[in-house]
Amino acid sequence: MMNKDTIAQAVVTQQIALATGVTTITLTFYKNFSPSGVNNGLPTDGQTHWLIATWGLFGCSILAGLVALMVLVNKVPTTDSVPGAVPGAAANAVVVPAMIQTVTFLAGFACMLYAVISVV
């Protein structure tokens, strides 16, 4: 049976991989975000702004995921092992960066979809 830390690590790692992959693909095919013959084959200013927002949000998602992984690896001591420790501090240390990662990943994905849909 998998414990919570293993599941959290798997989810964080998968989101980092997805954000990295989507960023790589959109950077690689940047010139293809505009119909041919429009704006010399380059994306319009509006599309470029949405793509830059996408890359920024995915970058924040990757950084937050790395922080969450660092917290998981450097396991904060539980209240049982440290007298006077605040209950739930270890859980909050992982939850906050993981939530930031998920929110920025979803926002980046929404921006990417808008940039792609605006091409059609």
PDB file of N, CA and C in Angstrom:
ATOM      1  N   MET A   1       0.843  -1.189   0.000  1.00  0.00           N
ATOM      2  CA  MET A   1       0.000   0.000   0.000  1.00  0.00           C
ATOM      3  C   MET A   1       0.888   1.251   0.000  1.00  0.00           C
ATOM      4  N   MET A   2       0.516   2.213  -0.818  1.00  0.00           N
ATOM      5  CA  MET A   2       1.297   3.444  -0.934  1.00  0.00           C
ATOM      6  C   MET A   2       0.896   4.421   0.167  1.00  0.00           C
ATOM      7  N   ASN A   3       1.891   5.099   0.732  1.00  0.00           N
ATOM      8  CA  ASN A   3       1.550   6.097   1.738  1.00  0.00           C
ATOM      9  C   ASN A   3       1.312   7.457   1.083  1.00  0.00           C
ATOM     10  N   LYS A   4       0.887   8.419   1.878  1.00  0.00           N
ATOM     11  CA  LYS A   4       0.530   9.741   1.351  1.00  0.00           C
ATOM     12  C   LYS A   4       1.710  10.444   0.695  1.00  0.00           C
ATOM     13  N   ASP A   5       2.888  10.286   1.269  1.00  0.00           N
ATOM     14  CA  ASP A   5       4.063  10.952   0.708  1.00  0.00           C
ATOM     15  C   ASP A   5       4.409  10.423  -0.681  1.00  0.00           C
ATOM     16  N   THR A   6       4.276   9.132  -0.880  1.00  0.00           N
ATOM     17  CA  THR A   6       4.570   8.532  -2.181  1.00  0.00           C
ATOM     18  C   THR A   6       3.579   9.012  -3.229  1.00  0.00           C
ATOM     19  N   ILE A   7       2.311   9.087  -2.855  1.00  0.00           N
ATOM     20  CA  ILE A   7       1.281   9.570  -3.782  1.00  0.00           C
ATOM     21  C   ILE A   7       1.508  11.034  -4.105  1.00  0.00           C
ATOM     22  N   ALA A   8       1.795  11.843  -3.081  1.00  0.00           N
ATOM     23  CA  ALA A   8       2.051  13.273  -3.300  1.00  0.00           C
ATOM     24  C   ALA A   8       3.259  13.471  -4.202  1.00  0.00           C
ATOM     25  N   GLN A   9       4.301  12.694  -3.979  1.00  0.00           N
ATOM     26  CA  GLN A   9       5.496  12.813  -4.806  1.00  0.00           C
ATOM     27  C   GLN A   9       5.196  12.447  -6.256  1.00  0.00           C
ATOM     28  N   ALA A  10       4.384  11.418  -6.467  1.00  0.00           N
ATOM     29  CA  ALA A  10       4.035  11.004  -7.830  1.00  0.00           C
ATOM     30  C   ALA A  10       3.225  12.084  -8.540  1.00  0.00           C
ATOM     31  N   VAL A  11       2.263  12.680  -7.841  1.00  0.00           N
ATOM     32  CA  VAL A  11       1.427  13.726  -8.451  1.00  0.00           C
ATOM     33  C   VAL A  11       2.268  14.954  -8.786  1.00  0.00           C
ATOM     34  N   VAL A  12       3.103  15.378  -7.864  1.00  0.00           N
ATOM     35  CA  VAL A  12       3.956  16.552  -8.103  1.00  0.00           C
ATOM     36  C   VAL A  12       4.899  16.294  -9.280  1.00  0.00           C
ATOM     37  N   THR A  13       5.494  15.108  -9.321  1.00  0.00           N
ATOM     38  CA  THR A  13       6.412  14.766 -10.403  1.00  0.00           C
ATOM     39  C   THR A  13       5.699  14.738 -11.752  1.00  0.00           C
ATOM     40  N   GLN A  14       4.494  14.210 -11.794  1.00  0.00           N
ATOM     41  CA  GLN A  14       3.739  14.167 -13.049  1.00  0.00           C
ATOM     42  C   GLN A  14       3.387  15.569 -13.530  1.00  0.00           C
ATOM     43  N   GLN A  15       3.000  16.462 -12.611  1.00  0.00           N
ATOM     44  CA  GLN A  15       2.682  17.828 -13.030  1.00  0.00           C
ATOM     45  C   GLN A  15       3.925  18.560 -13.529  1.00  0.00           C
ATOM     46  N   ILE A  16       5.069  18.309 -12.905  1.00  0.00           N
ATOM     47  CA  ILE A  16       6.315  18.914 -13.396  1.00  0.00           C
ATOM     48  C   ILE A  16       6.613  18.418 -14.811  1.00  0.00           C
ATOM     49  N   ALA A  17       6.459  17.125 -15.038  1.00  0.00           N
ATOM     50  CA  ALA A  17       6.721  16.558 -16.366  1.00  0.00           C
ATOM     51  C   ALA A  17       5.765  17.120 -17.414  1.00  0.00           C
ATOM     52  N   LEU A  18       4.482  17.234 -17.073  1.00  0.00           N
ATOM     53  CA  LEU A  18       3.507  17.783 -18.015  1.00  0.00           C
ATOM     54  C   LEU A  18       3.796  19.243 -18.335  1.00  0.00           C
ATOM     55  N   ALA A  19       4.068  20.042 -17.313  1.00  0.00           N
ATOM     56  CA  ALA A  19       4.354  21.467 -17.537  1.00  0.00           C
ATOM     57  C   ALA A  19       5.605  21.638 -18.385  1.00  0.00           C
ATOM     58  N   THR A  20       6.624  20.836 -18.131  1.00  0.00           N
ATOM     59  CA  THR A  20       7.861  20.906 -18.919  1.00  0.00           C
ATOM     60  C   THR A  20       7.600  20.503 -20.362  1.00  0.00           C
ATOM     61  N   GLY A  21       6.840  19.443 -20.554  1.00  0.00           N
ATOM     62  CA  GLY A  21       6.536  18.973 -21.907  1.00  0.00           C
ATOM     63  C   GLY A  21       5.720  19.961 -22.708  1.00  0.00           C
ATOM     64  N   VAL A  22       4.686  20.517 -22.094  1.00  0.00           N
ATOM     65  CA  VAL A  22       3.834  21.477 -22.807  1.00  0.00           C
ATOM     66  C   VAL A  22       4.625  22.737 -23.141  1.00  0.00           C
ATOM     67  N   THR A  23       5.462  23.193 -22.214  1.00  0.00           N
ATOM     68  CA  THR A  23       6.290  24.372 -22.487  1.00  0.00           C
ATOM     69  C   THR A  23       7.241  24.102 -23.644  1.00  0.00           C
ATOM     70  N   THR A  24       7.857  22.939 -23.647  1.00  0.00           N
ATOM     71  CA  THR A  24       8.782  22.582 -24.731  1.00  0.00           C
ATOM     72  C   THR A  24       8.072  22.527 -26.076  1.00  0.00           C
ATOM     73  N   ILE A  25       6.899  21.913 -26.105  1.00  0.00           N
ATOM     74  CA  ILE A  25       6.164  21.790 -27.372  1.00  0.00           C
ATOM     75  C   ILE A  25       5.712  23.155 -27.879  1.00  0.00           C
ATOM     76  N   THR A  26       5.177  24.002 -26.994  1.00  0.00           N
ATOM     77  CA  THR A  26       4.710  25.317 -27.458  1.00  0.00           C
ATOM     78  C   THR A  26       5.875  26.200 -27.891  1.00  0.00           C
ATOM     79  N   LEU A  27       7.032  26.069 -27.239  1.00  0.00           N
ATOM     80  CA  LEU A  27       8.198  26.831 -27.686  1.00  0.00           C
ATOM     81  C   LEU A  27       8.697  26.325 -29.033  1.00  0.00           C
ATOM     82  N   THR A  28       8.657  25.013 -29.225  1.00  0.00           N
ATOM     83  CA  THR A  28       9.131  24.424 -30.474  1.00  0.00           C
ATOM     84  C   THR A  28       8.259  24.838 -31.655  1.00  0.00           C
ATOM     85  N   PHE A  29       6.954  24.825 -31.454  1.00  0.00           N
ATOM     86  CA  PHE A  29       6.026  25.125 -32.544  1.00  0.00           C
ATOM     87  C   PHE A  29       5.452  26.536 -32.446  1.00  0.00           C
ATOM     88  N   TYR A  30       6.220  27.452 -31.876  1.00  0.00           N
ATOM     89  CA  TYR A  30       5.771  28.835 -31.683  1.00  0.00           C
ATOM     90  C   TYR A  30       5.302  29.481 -32.986  1.00  0.00           C
ATOM     91  N   LYS A  31       6.041  29.278 -34.061  1.00  0.00           N
ATOM     92  CA  LYS A  31       5.689  29.906 -35.344  1.00  0.00           C
ATOM     93  C   LYS A  31       4.415  29.339 -35.942  1.00  0.00           C
ATOM     94  N   ASN A  32       3.979  28.159 -35.511  1.00  0.00           N
ATOM     95  CA  ASN A  32       2.787  27.524 -36.076  1.00  0.00           C
ATOM     96  C   ASN A  32       1.488  27.998 -35.414  1.00  0.00           C
ATOM     97  N   PHE A  33       1.579  28.955 -34.519  1.00  0.00           N
ATOM     98  CA  PHE A  33       0.376  29.424 -33.836  1.00  0.00           C
ATOM     99  C   PHE A  33      -0.367  30.493 -34.627  1.00  0.00           C
ATOM    100  N   SER A  34       0.024  30.729 -35.855  1.00  0.00           N
ATOM    101  CA  SER A  34      -0.655  31.711 -36.685  1.00  0.00           C
ATOM    102  C   SER A  34      -0.980  31.075 -38.029  1.00  0.00           C
ATOM    103  N   PRO A  35      -2.179  31.349 -38.556  1.00  0.00           N
ATOM    104  CA  PRO A  35      -2.494  30.826 -39.884  1.00  0.00           C
ATOM    105  C   PRO A  35      -1.493  31.373 -40.902  1.00  0.00           C
ATOM    106  N   SER A  36      -1.142  30.577 -41.893  1.00  0.00           N
ATOM    107  CA  SER A  36      -0.158  31.018 -42.872  1.00  0.00           C
ATOM    108  C   SER A  36      -0.668  32.236 -43.633  1.00  0.00           C
ATOM    109  N   GLY A  37       0.212  33.154 -43.882  1.00  0.00           N
ATOM    110  CA  GLY A  37      -0.148  34.365 -44.605  1.00  0.00           C
ATOM    111  C   GLY A  37      -0.593  35.496 -43.697  1.00  0.00           C
ATOM    112  N   VAL A  38      -0.814  35.206 -42.419  1.00  0.00           N
ATOM    113  CA  VAL A  38      -1.218  36.249 -41.475  1.00  0.00           C
ATOM    114  C   VAL A  38      -0.008  36.616 -40.624  1.00  0.00           C
ATOM    115  N   ASN A  39       0.320  37.893 -40.579  1.00  0.00           N
ATOM    116  CA  ASN A  39       1.412  38.386 -39.743  1.00  0.00           C
ATOM    117  C   ASN A  39       2.743  37.691 -40.082  1.00  0.00           C
ATOM    118  N   ASN A  40       2.970  37.444 -41.360  1.00  0.00           N
ATOM    119  CA  ASN A  40       4.196  36.792 -41.845  1.00  0.00           C
ATOM    120  C   ASN A  40       4.446  35.436 -41.189  1.00  0.00           C
ATOM    121  N   GLY A  41       3.396  34.731 -40.846  1.00  0.00           N
ATOM    122  CA  GLY A  41       3.538  33.397 -40.268  1.00  0.00           C
ATOM    123  C   GLY A  41       3.861  33.378 -38.789  1.00  0.00           C
ATOM    124  N   LEU A  42       3.951  34.546 -38.164  1.00  0.00           N
ATOM    125  CA  LEU A  42       4.226  34.616 -36.730  1.00  0.00           C
ATOM    126  C   LEU A  42       2.923  34.835 -35.965  1.00  0.00           C
ATOM    127  N   PRO A  43       2.873  34.428 -34.705  1.00  0.00           N
ATOM    128  CA  PRO A  43       1.663  34.664 -33.921  1.00  0.00           C
ATOM    129  C   PRO A  43       1.373  36.156 -33.786  1.00  0.00           C
ATOM    130  N   THR A  44       0.098  36.496 -33.665  1.00  0.00           N
ATOM    131  CA  THR A  44      -0.281  37.890 -33.457  1.00  0.00           C
ATOM    132  C   THR A  44       0.116  38.317 -32.053  1.00  0.00           C
ATOM    133  N   ASP A  45       0.033  39.624 -31.794  1.00  0.00           N
ATOM    134  CA  ASP A  45       0.417  40.123 -30.468  1.00  0.00           C
ATOM    135  C   ASP A  45      -0.423  39.492 -29.362  1.00  0.00           C
ATOM    136  N   GLY A  46      -1.731  39.342 -29.593  1.00  0.00           N
ATOM    137  CA  GLY A  46      -2.600  38.741 -28.587  1.00  0.00           C
ATOM    138  C   GLY A  46      -2.213  37.307 -28.286  1.00  0.00           C
ATOM    139  N   GLN A  47      -1.914  36.549 -29.333  1.00  0.00           N
ATOM    140  CA  GLN A  47      -1.493  35.156 -29.127  1.00  0.00           C
ATOM    141  C   GLN A  47      -0.158  35.100 -28.391  1.00  0.00           C
ATOM    142  N   THR A  48       0.749  35.996 -28.744  1.00  0.00           N
ATOM    143  CA  THR A  48       2.058  36.023 -28.095  1.00  0.00           C
ATOM    144  C   THR A  48       1.905  36.307 -26.608  1.00  0.00           C
ATOM    145  N   HIS A  49       1.029  37.237 -26.252  1.00  0.00           N
ATOM    146  CA  HIS A  49       0.811  37.552 -24.830  1.00  0.00           C
ATOM    147  C   HIS A  49       0.273  36.342 -24.079  1.00  0.00           C
ATOM    148  N   TRP A  50      -0.654  35.629 -24.696  1.00  0.00           N
ATOM    149  CA  TRP A  50      -1.205  34.433 -24.039  1.00  0.00           C
ATOM    150  C   TRP A  50      -0.149  33.342 -23.916  1.00  0.00           C
ATOM    151  N   LEU A  51       0.699  33.192 -24.921  1.00  0.00           N
ATOM    152  CA  LEU A  51       1.761  32.187 -24.843  1.00  0.00           C
ATOM    153  C   LEU A  51       2.801  32.546 -23.783  1.00  0.00           C
ATOM    154  N   ILE A  52       3.133  33.818 -23.678  1.00  0.00           N
ATOM    155  CA  ILE A  52       4.079  34.252 -22.641  1.00  0.00           C
ATOM    156  C   ILE A  52       3.474  34.009 -21.259  1.00  0.00           C
ATOM    157  N   ALA A  53       2.177  34.292 -21.108  1.00  0.00           N
ATOM    158  CA  ALA A  53       1.499  34.000 -19.836  1.00  0.00           C
ATOM    159  C   ALA A  53       1.530  32.503 -19.551  1.00  0.00           C
ATOM    160  N   THR A  54       1.322  31.704 -20.587  1.00  0.00           N
ATOM    161  CA  THR A  54       1.375  30.243 -20.433  1.00  0.00           C
ATOM    162  C   THR A  54       2.738  29.805 -19.943  1.00  0.00           C
ATOM    163  N   TRP A  55       3.792  30.289 -20.584  1.00  0.00           N
ATOM    164  CA  TRP A  55       5.141  29.885 -20.201  1.00  0.00           C
ATOM    165  C   TRP A  55       5.469  30.341 -18.784  1.00  0.00           C
ATOM    166  N   GLY A  56       5.054  31.547 -18.426  1.00  0.00           N
ATOM    167  CA  GLY A  56       5.299  32.042 -17.068  1.00  0.00           C
ATOM    168  C   GLY A  56       4.584  31.218 -16.010  1.00  0.00           C
ATOM    169  N   LEU A  57       3.318  30.890 -16.276  1.00  0.00           N
ATOM    170  CA  LEU A  57       2.554  30.096 -15.313  1.00  0.00           C
ATOM    171  C   LEU A  57       3.102  28.680 -15.201  1.00  0.00           C
ATOM    172  N   PHE A  58       3.485  28.085 -16.320  1.00  0.00           N
ATOM    173  CA  PHE A  58       4.082  26.746 -16.258  1.00  0.00           C
ATOM    174  C   PHE A  58       5.433  26.796 -15.537  1.00  0.00           C
ATOM    175  N   GLY A  59       6.183  27.862 -15.738  1.00  0.00           N
ATOM    176  CA  GLY A  59       7.447  28.020 -15.009  1.00  0.00           C
ATOM    177  C   GLY A  59       7.224  28.103 -13.509  1.00  0.00           C
ATOM    178  N   CYS A  60       6.213  28.881 -13.091  1.00  0.00           N
ATOM    179  CA  CYS A  60       5.863  28.962 -11.668  1.00  0.00           C
ATOM    180  C   CYS A  60       5.412  27.610 -11.142  1.00  0.00           C
ATOM    181  N   SER A  61       4.664  26.871 -11.960  1.00  0.00           N
ATOM    182  CA  SER A  61       4.201  25.545 -11.567  1.00  0.00           C
ATOM    183  C   SER A  61       5.381  24.605 -11.359  1.00  0.00           C
ATOM    184  N   ILE A  62       6.354  24.664 -12.247  1.00  0.00           N
ATOM    185  CA  ILE A  62       7.541  23.811 -12.117  1.00  0.00           C
ATOM    186  C   ILE A  62       8.318  24.175 -10.852  1.00  0.00           C
ATOM    187  N   LEU A  63       8.507  25.469 -10.599  1.00  0.00           N
ATOM    188  CA  LEU A  63       9.241  25.895  -9.400  1.00  0.00           C
ATOM    189  C   LEU A  63       8.515  25.485  -8.123  1.00  0.00           C
ATOM    190  N   ALA A  64       7.199  25.667  -8.085  1.00  0.00           N
ATOM    191  CA  ALA A  64       6.433  25.259  -6.906  1.00  0.00           C
ATOM    192  C   ALA A  64       6.498  23.752  -6.710  1.00  0.00           C
ATOM    193  N   GLY A  65       6.492  23.004  -7.797  1.00  0.00           N
ATOM    194  CA  GLY A  65       6.624  21.555  -7.709  1.00  0.00           C
ATOM    195  C   GLY A  65       7.981  21.145  -7.162  1.00  0.00           C
ATOM    196  N   LEU A  66       9.026  21.836  -7.579  1.00  0.00           N
ATOM    197  CA  LEU A  66      10.357  21.539  -7.053  1.00  0.00           C
ATOM    198  C   LEU A  66      10.435  21.823  -5.556  1.00  0.00           C
ATOM    199  N   VAL A  67       9.805  22.910  -5.125  1.00  0.00           N
ATOM    200  CA  VAL A  67       9.760  23.218  -3.687  1.00  0.00           C
ATOM    201  C   VAL A  67       9.008  22.121  -2.939  1.00  0.00           C
ATOM    202  N   ALA A  68       7.875  21.684  -3.483  1.00  0.00           N
ATOM    203  CA  ALA A  68       7.106  20.614  -2.844  1.00  0.00           C
ATOM    204  C   ALA A  68       7.930  19.329  -2.754  1.00  0.00           C
ATOM    205  N   LEU A  69       8.679  19.008  -3.811  1.00  0.00           N
ATOM    206  CA  LEU A  69       9.533  17.820  -3.774  1.00  0.00           C
ATOM    207  C   LEU A  69      10.642  17.963  -2.736  1.00  0.00           C
ATOM    208  N   MET A  70      11.220  19.155  -2.630  1.00  0.00           N
ATOM    209  CA  MET A  70      12.265  19.368  -1.623  1.00  0.00           C
ATOM    210  C   MET A  70      11.708  19.172  -0.214  1.00  0.00           C
ATOM    211  N   VAL A  71      10.498  19.661   0.019  1.00  0.00           N
ATOM    212  CA  VAL A  71       9.882  19.487   1.335  1.00  0.00           C
ATOM    213  C   VAL A  71       9.613  18.005   1.597  1.00  0.00           C
ATOM    214  N   LEU A  72       9.133  17.288   0.578  1.00  0.00           N
ATOM    215  CA  LEU A  72       8.867  15.863   0.752  1.00  0.00           C
ATOM    216  C   LEU A  72      10.153  15.081   1.027  1.00  0.00           C
ATOM    217  N   VAL A  73      11.217  15.438   0.331  1.00  0.00           N
ATOM    218  CA  VAL A  73      12.477  14.714   0.506  1.00  0.00           C
ATOM    219  C   VAL A  73      13.098  15.024   1.867  1.00  0.00           C
ATOM    220  N   ASN A  74      13.045  16.274   2.270  1.00  0.00           N
ATOM    221  CA  ASN A  74      13.628  16.693   3.547  1.00  0.00           C
ATOM    222  C   ASN A  74      12.599  16.636   4.661  1.00  0.00           C
ATOM    223  N   LYS A  75      11.752  15.690   4.610  1.00  0.00           N
ATOM    224  CA  LYS A  75      10.643  15.435   5.528  1.00  0.00           C
ATOM    225  C   LYS A  75      10.723  16.233   6.822  1.00  0.00           C
ATOM    226  N   VAL A  76       9.790  17.167   6.998  1.00  0.00           N
ATOM    227  CA  VAL A  76       9.696  17.946   8.224  1.00  0.00           C
ATOM    228  C   VAL A  76       9.295  16.989   9.349  1.00  0.00           C
ATOM    229  N   PRO A  77       9.945  17.084  10.504  1.00  0.00           N
ATOM    230  CA  PRO A  77       9.613  16.165  11.589  1.00  0.00           C
ATOM    231  C   PRO A  77       8.153  16.297  12.029  1.00  0.00           C
ATOM    232  N   THR A  78       7.567  15.191  12.413  1.00  0.00           N
ATOM    233  CA  THR A  78       6.184  15.204  12.896  1.00  0.00           C
ATOM    234  C   THR A  78       6.154  15.661  14.344  1.00  0.00           C
ATOM    235  N   THR A  79       4.970  15.952  14.849  1.00  0.00           N
ATOM    236  CA  THR A  79       4.830  16.437  16.220  1.00  0.00           C
ATOM    237  C   THR A  79       5.195  15.358  17.229  1.00  0.00           C
ATOM    238  N   ASP A  80       5.150  14.080  16.823  1.00  0.00           N
ATOM    239  CA  ASP A  80       5.505  13.002  17.743  1.00  0.00           C
ATOM    240  C   ASP A  80       6.999  12.999  18.050  1.00  0.00           C
ATOM    241  N   SER A  81       7.817  13.366  17.062  1.00  0.00           N
ATOM    242  CA  SER A  81       9.264  13.276  17.240  1.00  0.00           C
ATOM    243  C   SER A  81       9.882  14.549  17.831  1.00  0.00           C
ATOM    244  N   VAL A  82       9.161  15.652  17.809  1.00  0.00           N
ATOM    245  CA  VAL A  82       9.704  16.911  18.324  1.00  0.00           C
ATOM    246  C   VAL A  82       8.747  17.479  19.368  1.00  0.00           C
ATOM    247  N   PRO A  83       9.181  17.553  20.616  1.00  0.00           N
ATOM    248  CA  PRO A  83       8.302  18.126  21.633  1.00  0.00           C
ATOM    249  C   PRO A  83       8.069  19.616  21.376  1.00  0.00           C
ATOM    250  N   GLY A  84       6.836  20.058  21.504  1.00  0.00           N
ATOM    251  CA  GLY A  84       6.487  21.457  21.317  1.00  0.00           C
ATOM    252  C   GLY A  84       6.275  21.866  19.870  1.00  0.00           C
ATOM    253  N   ALA A  85       6.329  20.920  18.929  1.00  0.00           N
ATOM    254  CA  ALA A  85       6.117  21.245  17.512  1.00  0.00           C
ATOM    255  C   ALA A  85       4.647  21.553  17.258  1.00  0.00           C
ATOM    256  N   VAL A  86       4.405  22.392  16.288  1.00  0.00           N
ATOM    257  CA  VAL A  86       3.036  22.786  15.948  1.00  0.00           C
ATOM    258  C   VAL A  86       2.355  21.654  15.185  1.00  0.00           C
ATOM    259  N   PRO A  87       1.172  21.216  15.637  1.00  0.00           N
ATOM    260  CA  PRO A  87       0.478  20.141  14.906  1.00  0.00           C
ATOM    261  C   PRO A  87       0.110  20.580  13.495  1.00  0.00           C
ATOM    262  N   GLY A  88       0.339  19.732  12.537  1.00  0.00           N
ATOM    263  CA  GLY A  88      -0.026  20.014  11.155  1.00  0.00           C
ATOM    264  C   GLY A  88       0.997  20.822  10.386  1.00  0.00           C
ATOM    265  N   ALA A  89       2.101  21.205  11.021  1.00  0.00           N
ATOM    266  CA  ALA A  89       3.100  22.027  10.332  1.00  0.00           C
ATOM    267  C   ALA A  89       3.731  21.262   9.178  1.00  0.00           C
ATOM    268  N   ALA A  90       3.982  19.984   9.378  1.00  0.00           N
ATOM    269  CA  ALA A  90       4.594  19.173   8.310  1.00  0.00           C
ATOM    270  C   ALA A  90       3.661  19.065   7.121  1.00  0.00           C
ATOM    271  N   ALA A  91       2.378  18.870   7.370  1.00  0.00           N
ATOM    272  CA  ALA A  91       1.408  18.748   6.281  1.00  0.00           C
ATOM    273  C   ALA A  91       1.287  20.063   5.517  1.00  0.00           C
ATOM    274  N   ASN A  92       1.241  21.181   6.221  1.00  0.00           N
ATOM    275  CA  ASN A  92       1.120  22.483   5.569  1.00  0.00           C
ATOM    276  C   ASN A  92       2.352  22.821   4.743  1.00  0.00           C
ATOM    277  N   ALA A  93       3.505  22.346   5.169  1.00  0.00           N
ATOM    278  CA  ALA A  93       4.734  22.633   4.432  1.00  0.00           C
ATOM    279  C   ALA A  93       4.704  22.013   3.041  1.00  0.00           C
ATOM    280  N   VAL A  94       3.982  20.921   2.860  1.00  0.00           N
ATOM    281  CA  VAL A  94       3.877  20.275   1.559  1.00  0.00           C
ATOM    282  C   VAL A  94       2.656  20.768   0.802  1.00  0.00           C
ATOM    283  N   VAL A  95       1.556  20.998   1.499  1.00  0.00           N
ATOM    284  CA  VAL A  95       0.284  21.343   0.854  1.00  0.00           C
ATOM    285  C   VAL A  95       0.350  22.684   0.139  1.00  0.00           C
ATOM    286  N   VAL A  96       0.955  23.676   0.748  1.00  0.00           N
ATOM    287  CA  VAL A  96       0.963  25.023   0.149  1.00  0.00           C
ATOM    288  C   VAL A  96       1.675  25.050  -1.202  1.00  0.00           C
ATOM    289  N   PRO A  97       2.936  24.562  -1.313  1.00  0.00           N
ATOM    290  CA  PRO A  97       3.556  24.584  -2.645  1.00  0.00           C
ATOM    291  C   PRO A  97       2.855  23.663  -3.643  1.00  0.00           C
ATOM    292  N   ALA A  98       2.293  22.556  -3.164  1.00  0.00           N
ATOM    293  CA  ALA A  98       1.576  21.658  -4.076  1.00  0.00           C
ATOM    294  C   ALA A  98       0.306  22.318  -4.604  1.00  0.00           C
ATOM    295  N   MET A  99      -0.391  23.077  -3.758  1.00  0.00           N
ATOM    296  CA  MET A  99      -1.588  23.800  -4.221  1.00  0.00           C
ATOM    297  C   MET A  99      -1.208  24.892  -5.208  1.00  0.00           C
ATOM    298  N   ILE A 100      -0.133  25.615  -4.918  1.00  0.00           N
ATOM    299  CA  ILE A 100       0.334  26.656  -5.843  1.00  0.00           C
ATOM    300  C   ILE A 100       0.691  26.022  -7.183  1.00  0.00           C
ATOM    301  N   GLN A 101       1.347  24.867  -7.138  1.00  0.00           N
ATOM    302  CA  GLN A 101       1.716  24.172  -8.372  1.00  0.00           C
ATOM    303  C   GLN A 101       0.477  23.813  -9.179  1.00  0.00           C
ATOM    304  N   THR A 102      -0.521  23.252  -8.538  1.00  0.00           N
ATOM    305  CA  THR A 102      -1.727  22.818  -9.241  1.00  0.00           C
ATOM    306  C   THR A 102      -2.489  24.004  -9.820  1.00  0.00           C
ATOM    307  N   VAL A 103      -2.645  25.070  -9.051  1.00  0.00           N
ATOM    308  CA  VAL A 103      -3.385  26.242  -9.533  1.00  0.00           C
ATOM    309  C   VAL A 103      -2.672  26.894 -10.709  1.00  0.00           C
ATOM    310  N   THR A 104      -1.351  27.064 -10.613  1.00  0.00           N
ATOM    311  CA  THR A 104      -0.630  27.696 -11.721  1.00  0.00           C
ATOM    312  C   THR A 104      -0.589  26.785 -12.950  1.00  0.00           C
ATOM    313  N   PHE A 105      -0.535  25.463 -12.728  1.00  0.00           N
ATOM    314  CA  PHE A 105      -0.574  24.535 -13.859  1.00  0.00           C
ATOM    315  C   PHE A 105      -1.911  24.649 -14.593  1.00  0.00           C
ATOM    316  N   LEU A 106      -3.017  24.654 -13.854  1.00  0.00           N
ATOM    317  CA  LEU A 106      -4.333  24.753 -14.495  1.00  0.00           C
ATOM    318  C   LEU A 106      -4.519  26.098 -15.187  1.00  0.00           C
ATOM    319  N   ALA A 107      -4.041  27.177 -14.569  1.00  0.00           N
ATOM    320  CA  ALA A 107      -4.149  28.501 -15.195  1.00  0.00           C
ATOM    321  C   ALA A 107      -3.294  28.557 -16.473  1.00  0.00           C
ATOM    322  N   GLY A 108      -2.101  27.985 -16.431  1.00  0.00           N
ATOM    323  CA  GLY A 108      -1.244  27.938 -17.615  1.00  0.00           C
ATOM    324  C   GLY A 108      -1.870  27.120 -18.729  1.00  0.00           C
ATOM    325  N   PHE A 109      -2.500  26.012 -18.353  1.00  0.00           N
ATOM    326  CA  PHE A 109      -3.158  25.172 -19.349  1.00  0.00           C
ATOM    327  C   PHE A 109      -4.328  25.917 -19.986  1.00  0.00           C
ATOM    328  N   ALA A 110      -5.079  26.679 -19.183  1.00  0.00           N
ATOM    329  CA  ALA A 110      -6.201  27.467 -19.712  1.00  0.00           C
ATOM    330  C   ALA A 110      -5.688  28.538 -20.680  1.00  0.00           C
ATOM    331  N   CYS A 111      -4.598  29.210 -20.338  1.00  0.00           N
ATOM    332  CA  CYS A 111      -4.014  30.212 -21.239  1.00  0.00           C
ATOM    333  C   CYS A 111      -3.547  29.582 -22.536  1.00  0.00           C
ATOM    334  N   MET A 112      -2.942  28.401 -22.437  1.00  0.00           N
ATOM    335  CA  MET A 112      -2.478  27.714 -23.636  1.00  0.00           C
ATOM    336  C   MET A 112      -3.656  27.338 -24.543  1.00  0.00           C
ATOM    337  N   LEU A 113      -4.721  26.822 -23.937  1.00  0.00           N
ATOM    338  CA  LEU A 113      -5.904  26.471 -24.735  1.00  0.00           C
ATOM    339  C   LEU A 113      -6.465  27.707 -25.430  1.00  0.00           C
ATOM    340  N   TYR A 114      -6.511  28.837 -24.736  1.00  0.00           N
ATOM    341  CA  TYR A 114      -7.043  30.056 -25.353  1.00  0.00           C
ATOM    342  C   TYR A 114      -6.151  30.477 -26.519  1.00  0.00           C
ATOM    343  N   ALA A 115      -4.838  30.393 -26.343  1.00  0.00           N
ATOM    344  CA  ALA A 115      -3.925  30.775 -27.433  1.00  0.00           C
ATOM    345  C   ALA A 115      -4.091  29.847 -28.628  1.00  0.00           C
ATOM    346  N   VAL A 116      -4.289  28.574 -28.385  1.00  0.00           N
ATOM    347  CA  VAL A 116      -4.448  27.607 -29.487  1.00  0.00           C
ATOM    348  C   VAL A 116      -5.800  27.785 -30.159  1.00  0.00           C
ATOM    349  N   ILE A 117      -6.853  27.982 -29.373  1.00  0.00           N
ATOM    350  CA  ILE A 117      -8.206  28.142 -29.940  1.00  0.00           C
ATOM    351  C   ILE A 117      -8.304  29.423 -30.754  1.00  0.00           C
ATOM    352  N   SER A 118      -7.566  30.463 -30.348  1.00  0.00           N
ATOM    353  CA  SER A 118      -7.626  31.725 -31.095  1.00  0.00           C
ATOM    354  C   SER A 118      -7.014  31.588 -32.484  1.00  0.00           C
ATOM    355  N   VAL A 119      -6.242  30.530 -32.729  1.00  0.00           N
ATOM    356  CA  VAL A 119      -5.660  30.287 -34.041  1.00  0.00           C
ATOM    357  C   VAL A 119      -6.727  29.793 -35.007  1.00  0.00           C
ATOM    358  N   VAL A 120      -7.637  28.984 -34.487  1.00  0.00           N
ATOM    359  CA  VAL A 120      -8.640  28.326 -35.341  1.00  0.00           C
ATOM    360  C   VAL A 120      -9.660  29.273 -35.853  1.00  0.00           C
TER     361      VAL A 120
END
